[in-house]
C-alpha atoms as a PDB file:
ATOM      1  CA  UNK A   1       3.570 -10.565  45.886  1.00  0.00           C
ATOM      2  CA  UNK A   2       0.051  -9.180  46.178  1.00  0.00           C
ATOM      3  CA  UNK A   3      -2.282  -7.724  48.657  1.00  0.00           C
ATOM      4  CA  UNK A   4      -4.386  -9.252  51.576  1.00  0.00           C
ATOM      5  CA  UNK A   5      -7.664 -10.411  50.237  1.00  0.00           C
ATOM      6  CA  UNK A   6     -10.459 -11.734  52.198  1.00  0.00           C
ATOM      7  CA  UNK A   7     -12.042 -15.001  50.939  1.00  0.00           C
ATOM      8  CA  UNK A   8     -14.133 -13.754  47.868  1.00  0.00           C
ATOM      9  CA  UNK A   9     -11.347 -11.811  46.458  1.00  0.00           C
ATOM     10  CA  UNK A  10      -8.753 -14.584  46.843  1.00  0.00           C
ATOM     11  CA  UNK A  11     -11.375 -17.015  45.236  1.00  0.00           C
ATOM     12  CA  UNK A  12     -11.593 -14.203  42.169  1.00  0.00           C
ATOM     13  CA  UNK A  13      -8.053 -14.163  41.967  1.00  0.00           C
ATOM     14  CA  UNK A  14      -7.777 -17.715  41.361  1.00  0.00           C
ATOM     15  CA  UNK A  15     -10.634 -17.485  38.977  1.00  0.00           C
ATOM     16  CA  UNK A  16      -8.240 -14.875  37.108  1.00  0.00           C
ATOM     17  CA  UNK A  17      -5.368 -17.000  37.096  1.00  0.00           C
ATOM     18  CA  UNK A  18      -7.315 -19.867  35.778  1.00  0.00           C
ATOM     19  CA  UNK A  19      -8.936 -18.101  32.916  1.00  0.00           C
ATOM     20  CA  UNK A  20      -5.564 -16.579  32.019  1.00  0.00           C
ATOM     21  CA  UNK A  21      -4.050 -20.162  32.197  1.00  0.00           C
ATOM     22  CA  UNK A  22      -7.051 -21.577  29.689  1.00  0.00           C
ATOM     23  CA  UNK A  23      -5.903 -18.665  27.002  1.00  0.00           C
ATOM     24  CA  UNK A  24      -2.730 -19.627  27.315  1.00  0.00           C
ATOM     25  CA  UNK A  25      -2.972 -23.184  26.701  1.00  0.00           C
ATOM     26  CA  UNK A  26      -5.563 -22.643  24.036  1.00  0.00           C
ATOM     27  CA  UNK A  27      -3.553 -20.260  22.131  1.00  0.00           C
ATOM     28  CA  UNK A  28      -0.215 -22.310  22.805  1.00  0.00           C
ATOM     29  CA  UNK A  29       1.383 -19.216  24.681  1.00  0.00           C
ATOM     30  CA  UNK A  30       4.170 -18.990  26.889  1.00  0.00           C
ATOM     31  CA  UNK A  31       3.336 -17.572  30.318  1.00  0.00           C
ATOM     32  CA  UNK A  32       5.538 -14.288  29.378  1.00  0.00           C
ATOM     33  CA  UNK A  33       3.332 -13.787  26.368  1.00  0.00           C
ATOM     34  CA  UNK A  34      -0.120 -13.920  28.215  1.00  0.00           C
ATOM     35  CA  UNK A  35       0.975 -11.211  30.719  1.00  0.00           C
ATOM     36  CA  UNK A  36       2.124  -9.127  27.554  1.00  0.00           C
ATOM     37  CA  UNK A  37      -1.188  -9.551  26.082  1.00  0.00           C
ATOM     38  CA  UNK A  38      -2.968  -8.759  29.199  1.00  0.00           C
ATOM     39  CA  UNK A  39      -0.720  -5.578  29.889  1.00  0.00           C
ATOM     40  CA  UNK A  40      -1.948  -4.315  26.308  1.00  0.00           C
ATOM     41  CA  UNK A  41      -5.512  -5.072  27.167  1.00  0.00           C
ATOM     42  CA  UNK A  42      -5.665  -3.352  30.425  1.00  0.00           C
ATOM     43  CA  UNK A  43      -3.046  -0.378  29.803  1.00  0.00           C
ATOM     44  CA  UNK A  44      -0.516  -1.750  32.588  1.00  0.00           C
ATOM     45  CA  UNK A  45       2.826  -1.914  32.858  1.00  0.00           C
ATOM     46  CA  UNK A  46       4.709  -5.148  33.859  1.00  0.00           C
ATOM     47  CA  UNK A  47       4.899  -3.723  37.506  1.00  0.00           C
ATOM     48  CA  UNK A  48       1.109  -3.315  37.774  1.00  0.00           C
ATOM     49  CA  UNK A  49       0.203  -6.874  35.943  1.00  0.00           C
ATOM     50  CA  UNK A  50      -0.188  -8.867  38.889  1.00  0.00           C
ATOM     51  CA  UNK A  51      -3.223 -10.685  39.749  1.00  0.00           C
ATOM     52  CA  UNK A  52      -2.153 -10.592  43.279  1.00  0.00           C
ATOM     53  CA  UNK A  53      -2.461  -6.813  43.193  1.00  0.00           C
ATOM     54  CA  UNK A  54      -5.798  -7.043  41.300  1.00  0.00           C
ATOM     55  CA  UNK A  55      -9.257  -5.408  42.952  1.00  0.00           C
ATOM     56  CA  UNK A  56     -12.293  -7.558  42.652  1.00  0.00           C
ATOM     57  CA  UNK A  57     -13.460  -5.487  39.589  1.00  0.00           C
ATOM     58  CA  UNK A  58      -9.957  -5.866  37.795  1.00  0.00           C
ATOM     59  CA  UNK A  59     -10.208  -9.536  38.487  1.00  0.00           C
ATOM     60  CA  UNK A  60     -13.584  -9.493  36.565  1.00  0.00           C
ATOM     61  CA  UNK A  61     -11.962  -7.631  33.702  1.00  0.00           C
ATOM     62  CA  UNK A  62      -9.337 -10.224  33.332  1.00  0.00           C
ATOM     63  CA  UNK A  63     -12.162 -13.014  33.342  1.00  0.00           C
ATOM     64  CA  UNK A  64     -14.180 -11.005  30.645  1.00  0.00           C
ATOM     65  CA  UNK A  65     -11.291 -10.343  28.447  1.00  0.00           C
ATOM     66  CA  UNK A  66      -9.956 -14.096  28.721  1.00  0.00           C
ATOM     67  CA  UNK A  67     -13.453 -15.391  27.656  1.00  0.00           C
ATOM     68  CA  UNK A  68     -13.972 -12.861  24.812  1.00  0.00           C
ATOM     69  CA  UNK A  69     -10.339 -13.795  23.437  1.00  0.00           C
ATOM     70  CA  UNK A  70     -11.367 -17.880  24.003  1.00  0.00           C
ATOM     71  CA  UNK A  71     -14.602 -17.464  22.191  1.00  0.00           C
ATOM     72  CA  UNK A  72     -12.893 -15.875  19.125  1.00  0.00           C
ATOM     73  CA  UNK A  73     -10.704 -18.819  18.952  1.00  0.00           C
ATOM     74  CA  UNK A  74     -13.313 -21.050  18.930  1.00  0.00           C
ATOM     75  CA  UNK A  75     -15.171 -19.348  16.163  1.00  0.00           C
ATOM     76  CA  UNK A  76     -12.194 -19.572  14.128  1.00  0.00           C
ATOM     77  CA  UNK A  77     -11.312 -15.891  14.580  1.00  0.00           C
ATOM     78  CA  UNK A  78      -8.102 -16.200  16.166  1.00  0.00           C
ATOM     79  CA  UNK A  79      -6.198 -13.091  14.339  1.00  0.00           C
ATOM     80  CA  UNK A  80      -8.418 -10.789  16.211  1.00  0.00           C
ATOM     81  CA  UNK A  81      -7.390 -11.956  19.650  1.00  0.00           C
ATOM     82  CA  UNK A  82      -4.834  -9.026  19.970  1.00  0.00           C
ATOM     83  CA  UNK A  83      -7.585  -6.448  19.186  1.00  0.00           C
ATOM     84  CA  UNK A  84     -10.013  -7.434  21.840  1.00  0.00           C
ATOM     85  CA  UNK A  85     -11.044  -4.809  24.116  1.00  0.00           C
END
């Protein structure tokens, strides 16, 4: 599932997937849990929350949200993870 992408967008989608995987591993989350988190953060439904469908800007937002959440984890504020916007 996804849309055609040039090399730059493909690379950005790979980075977005890696950011989600890093968050998932750091928070000991199941894959479905990290996607539920992503849906809530981006205001998407389950049909829309596929990185293969994301634009360059959406991938940037995924990466930003993941690293913001990860920075809270490393500063001992993991309870604020769900409220990150």
